[in-house]
């Protein structure tokens, strides 16, 4: 099947580049939606972008490392909280088991909420 050549209006290109400049859309997403090559989209950016031609958006490795470290810290805190809750649950289960043995009744079954 032969691929049909398509052309996009200048206003269309300007609109999509504006969305790219604002960060509302990525080059990859735009490419996937409209089936346009990344190269063509980058040409649109060079031609219609509000950013200066020599201006670049730099993602610093340090900020990415800091963000990653914060995420690791958050995961560690959540794992610690989960561990504390699991210990609490184990403790309460053991208390119920001992109380059941000492009273001779199945306390867990007797006081289990109806579902």
C-alpha atoms as a PDB file:
ATOM      1  CA  UNK A   1       0.000   0.000   0.000  1.00  0.00           C
ATOM      2  CA  UNK A   2       1.470   3.322  -1.088  1.00  0.00           C
ATOM      3  CA  UNK A   3       1.646   5.972   1.587  1.00  0.00           C
ATOM      4  CA  UNK A   4      -0.282   9.103   0.740  1.00  0.00           C
ATOM      5  CA  UNK A   5       1.539  12.430   1.011  1.00  0.00           C
ATOM      6  CA  UNK A   6      -0.123  14.815   3.437  1.00  0.00           C
ATOM      7  CA  UNK A   7       0.431  18.485   4.070  1.00  0.00           C
ATOM      8  CA  UNK A   8      -0.440  20.377   7.219  1.00  0.00           C
ATOM      9  CA  UNK A   9      -1.425  24.024   7.333  1.00  0.00           C
ATOM     10  CA  UNK A  10       0.810  26.590   8.964  1.00  0.00           C
ATOM     11  CA  UNK A  11      -1.824  27.309  11.636  1.00  0.00           C
ATOM     12  CA  UNK A  12      -2.007  23.580  12.453  1.00  0.00           C
ATOM     13  CA  UNK A  13       1.772  23.386  12.801  1.00  0.00           C
ATOM     14  CA  UNK A  14       1.895  26.552  14.919  1.00  0.00           C
ATOM     15  CA  UNK A  15      -0.829  25.191  17.198  1.00  0.00           C
ATOM     16  CA  UNK A  16       0.969  21.907  17.756  1.00  0.00           C
ATOM     17  CA  UNK A  17       4.320  23.620  18.340  1.00  0.00           C
ATOM     18  CA  UNK A  18       2.643  25.891  20.885  1.00  0.00           C
ATOM     19  CA  UNK A  19       1.408  22.791  22.751  1.00  0.00           C
ATOM     20  CA  UNK A  20       4.932  21.381  22.599  1.00  0.00           C
ATOM     21  CA  UNK A  21       6.427  24.638  23.935  1.00  0.00           C
ATOM     22  CA  UNK A  22       3.932  24.645  26.827  1.00  0.00           C
ATOM     23  CA  UNK A  23       4.793  21.038  27.656  1.00  0.00           C
ATOM     24  CA  UNK A  24       1.244  19.821  27.125  1.00  0.00           C
ATOM     25  CA  UNK A  25       2.309  17.407  24.409  1.00  0.00           C
ATOM     26  CA  UNK A  26       5.469  15.479  23.624  1.00  0.00           C
ATOM     27  CA  UNK A  27       7.095  15.016  20.228  1.00  0.00           C
ATOM     28  CA  UNK A  28       6.584  11.277  20.470  1.00  0.00           C
ATOM     29  CA  UNK A  29       2.900  11.617  21.356  1.00  0.00           C
ATOM     30  CA  UNK A  30       2.336  14.091  18.515  1.00  0.00           C
ATOM     31  CA  UNK A  31       4.165  11.779  16.126  1.00  0.00           C
ATOM     32  CA  UNK A  32       2.013   8.829  17.161  1.00  0.00           C
ATOM     33  CA  UNK A  33      -1.278  10.720  16.928  1.00  0.00           C
ATOM     34  CA  UNK A  34      -0.777  12.277  13.495  1.00  0.00           C
ATOM     35  CA  UNK A  35       1.648   9.683  12.076  1.00  0.00           C
ATOM     36  CA  UNK A  36       4.285  12.328  11.370  1.00  0.00           C
ATOM     37  CA  UNK A  37       7.996  11.662  11.621  1.00  0.00           C
ATOM     38  CA  UNK A  38       9.956  13.073  14.538  1.00  0.00           C
ATOM     39  CA  UNK A  39      12.177  14.860  12.034  1.00  0.00           C
ATOM     40  CA  UNK A  40       9.230  16.745  10.548  1.00  0.00           C
ATOM     41  CA  UNK A  41       8.041  17.781  13.990  1.00  0.00           C
ATOM     42  CA  UNK A  42      11.494  19.054  14.940  1.00  0.00           C
ATOM     43  CA  UNK A  43      11.518  21.107  11.718  1.00  0.00           C
ATOM     44  CA  UNK A  44       8.185  22.618  12.783  1.00  0.00           C
ATOM     45  CA  UNK A  45       9.701  23.448  16.164  1.00  0.00           C
ATOM     46  CA  UNK A  46      12.725  25.165  14.617  1.00  0.00           C
ATOM     47  CA  UNK A  47      10.474  27.175  12.346  1.00  0.00           C
ATOM     48  CA  UNK A  48       7.537  28.081  14.631  1.00  0.00           C
ATOM     49  CA  UNK A  49       8.722  27.781  18.223  1.00  0.00           C
ATOM     50  CA  UNK A  50       8.504  30.828  20.484  1.00  0.00           C
ATOM     51  CA  UNK A  51      11.772  29.781  22.082  1.00  0.00           C
ATOM     52  CA  UNK A  52      14.857  31.361  20.587  1.00  0.00           C
ATOM     53  CA  UNK A  53      16.650  29.176  18.058  1.00  0.00           C
ATOM     54  CA  UNK A  54      19.714  28.874  20.250  1.00  0.00           C
ATOM     55  CA  UNK A  55      17.703  28.432  23.446  1.00  0.00           C
ATOM     56  CA  UNK A  56      17.643  24.906  24.799  1.00  0.00           C
ATOM     57  CA  UNK A  57      15.706  23.316  27.610  1.00  0.00           C
ATOM     58  CA  UNK A  58      18.232  21.490  29.766  1.00  0.00           C
ATOM     59  CA  UNK A  59      17.262  18.674  32.065  1.00  0.00           C
ATOM     60  CA  UNK A  60      19.938  18.576  34.691  1.00  0.00           C
ATOM     61  CA  UNK A  61      21.172  15.236  35.845  1.00  0.00           C
ATOM     62  CA  UNK A  62      21.405  16.544  39.386  1.00  0.00           C
ATOM     63  CA  UNK A  63      17.683  17.355  39.518  1.00  0.00           C
ATOM     64  CA  UNK A  64      16.829  13.924  38.137  1.00  0.00           C
ATOM     65  CA  UNK A  65      19.102  12.301  40.710  1.00  0.00           C
ATOM     66  CA  UNK A  66      17.455  14.313  43.483  1.00  0.00           C
ATOM     67  CA  UNK A  67      14.015  13.345  42.260  1.00  0.00           C
ATOM     68  CA  UNK A  68      15.033   9.683  42.154  1.00  0.00           C
ATOM     69  CA  UNK A  69      16.462   9.900  45.670  1.00  0.00           C
ATOM     70  CA  UNK A  70      13.221  11.458  46.941  1.00  0.00           C
ATOM     71  CA  UNK A  71      11.224   8.654  45.353  1.00  0.00           C
ATOM     72  CA  UNK A  72      13.486   6.033  46.954  1.00  0.00           C
ATOM     73  CA  UNK A  73      13.015   7.741  50.325  1.00  0.00           C
ATOM     74  CA  UNK A  74       9.256   7.736  49.856  1.00  0.00           C
ATOM     75  CA  UNK A  75       9.291   4.024  48.992  1.00  0.00           C
ATOM     76  CA  UNK A  76      11.432   3.282  52.060  1.00  0.00           C
ATOM     77  CA  UNK A  77       9.030   5.207  54.327  1.00  0.00           C
ATOM     78  CA  UNK A  78       6.034   3.369  52.886  1.00  0.00           C
ATOM     79  CA  UNK A  79       7.753   0.003  53.330  1.00  0.00           C
ATOM     80  CA  UNK A  80       8.548   0.888  56.962  1.00  0.00           C
ATOM     81  CA  UNK A  81       4.921   1.887  57.593  1.00  0.00           C
ATOM     82  CA  UNK A  82       3.747  -1.353  56.017  1.00  0.00           C
ATOM     83  CA  UNK A  83       6.179  -3.316  58.199  1.00  0.00           C
ATOM     84  CA  UNK A  84       4.905  -1.590  61.355  1.00  0.00           C
ATOM     85  CA  UNK A  85       1.301  -2.372  60.422  1.00  0.00           C
ATOM     86  CA  UNK A  86       2.194  -5.997  59.733  1.00  0.00           C
ATOM     87  CA  UNK A  87       3.848  -6.277  63.174  1.00  0.00           C
ATOM     88  CA  UNK A  88       0.748  -4.755  64.775  1.00  0.00           C
ATOM     89  CA  UNK A  89      -1.483  -7.213  62.941  1.00  0.00           C
ATOM     90  CA  UNK A  90       0.682 -10.173  63.988  1.00  0.00           C
ATOM     91  CA  UNK A  91       0.591  -8.943  67.603  1.00  0.00           C
ATOM     92  CA  UNK A  92      -3.214  -8.621  67.629  1.00  0.00           C
ATOM     93  CA  UNK A  93      -3.632 -12.054  66.066  1.00  0.00           C
ATOM     94  CA  UNK A  94      -1.390 -13.572  68.747  1.00  0.00           C
ATOM     95  CA  UNK A  95      -3.369 -11.789  71.501  1.00  0.00           C
ATOM     96  CA  UNK A  96      -6.645 -13.134  70.085  1.00  0.00           C
ATOM     97  CA  UNK A  97      -5.139 -16.632  69.858  1.00  0.00           C
ATOM     98  CA  UNK A  98      -3.917 -16.558  73.487  1.00  0.00           C
ATOM     99  CA  UNK A  99      -7.247 -15.125  74.705  1.00  0.00           C
ATOM    100  CA  UNK A 100      -9.112 -17.846  72.816  1.00  0.00           C
ATOM    101  CA  UNK A 101      -6.959 -20.535  74.405  1.00  0.00           C
ATOM    102  CA  UNK A 102      -7.358 -19.125  77.925  1.00  0.00           C
ATOM    103  CA  UNK A 103     -11.157 -18.672  77.720  1.00  0.00           C
ATOM    104  CA  UNK A 104     -11.831 -21.846  75.761  1.00  0.00           C
ATOM    105  CA  UNK A 105     -13.872 -19.927  73.156  1.00  0.00           C
ATOM    106  CA  UNK A 106     -13.038 -19.074  69.585  1.00  0.00           C
ATOM    107  CA  UNK A 107     -12.937 -15.292  70.063  1.00  0.00           C
ATOM    108  CA  UNK A 108     -11.971 -14.589  66.453  1.00  0.00           C
ATOM    109  CA  UNK A 109     -14.993 -16.501  65.153  1.00  0.00           C
ATOM    110  CA  UNK A 110     -17.340 -15.123  67.843  1.00  0.00           C
ATOM    111  CA  UNK A 111     -16.478 -11.449  67.229  1.00  0.00           C
ATOM    112  CA  UNK A 112     -15.655 -11.571  63.523  1.00  0.00           C
ATOM    113  CA  UNK A 113     -17.707  -8.931  61.665  1.00  0.00           C
ATOM    114  CA  UNK A 114     -20.470 -10.210  59.422  1.00  0.00           C
ATOM    115  CA  UNK A 115     -19.718  -9.857  55.727  1.00  0.00           C
END
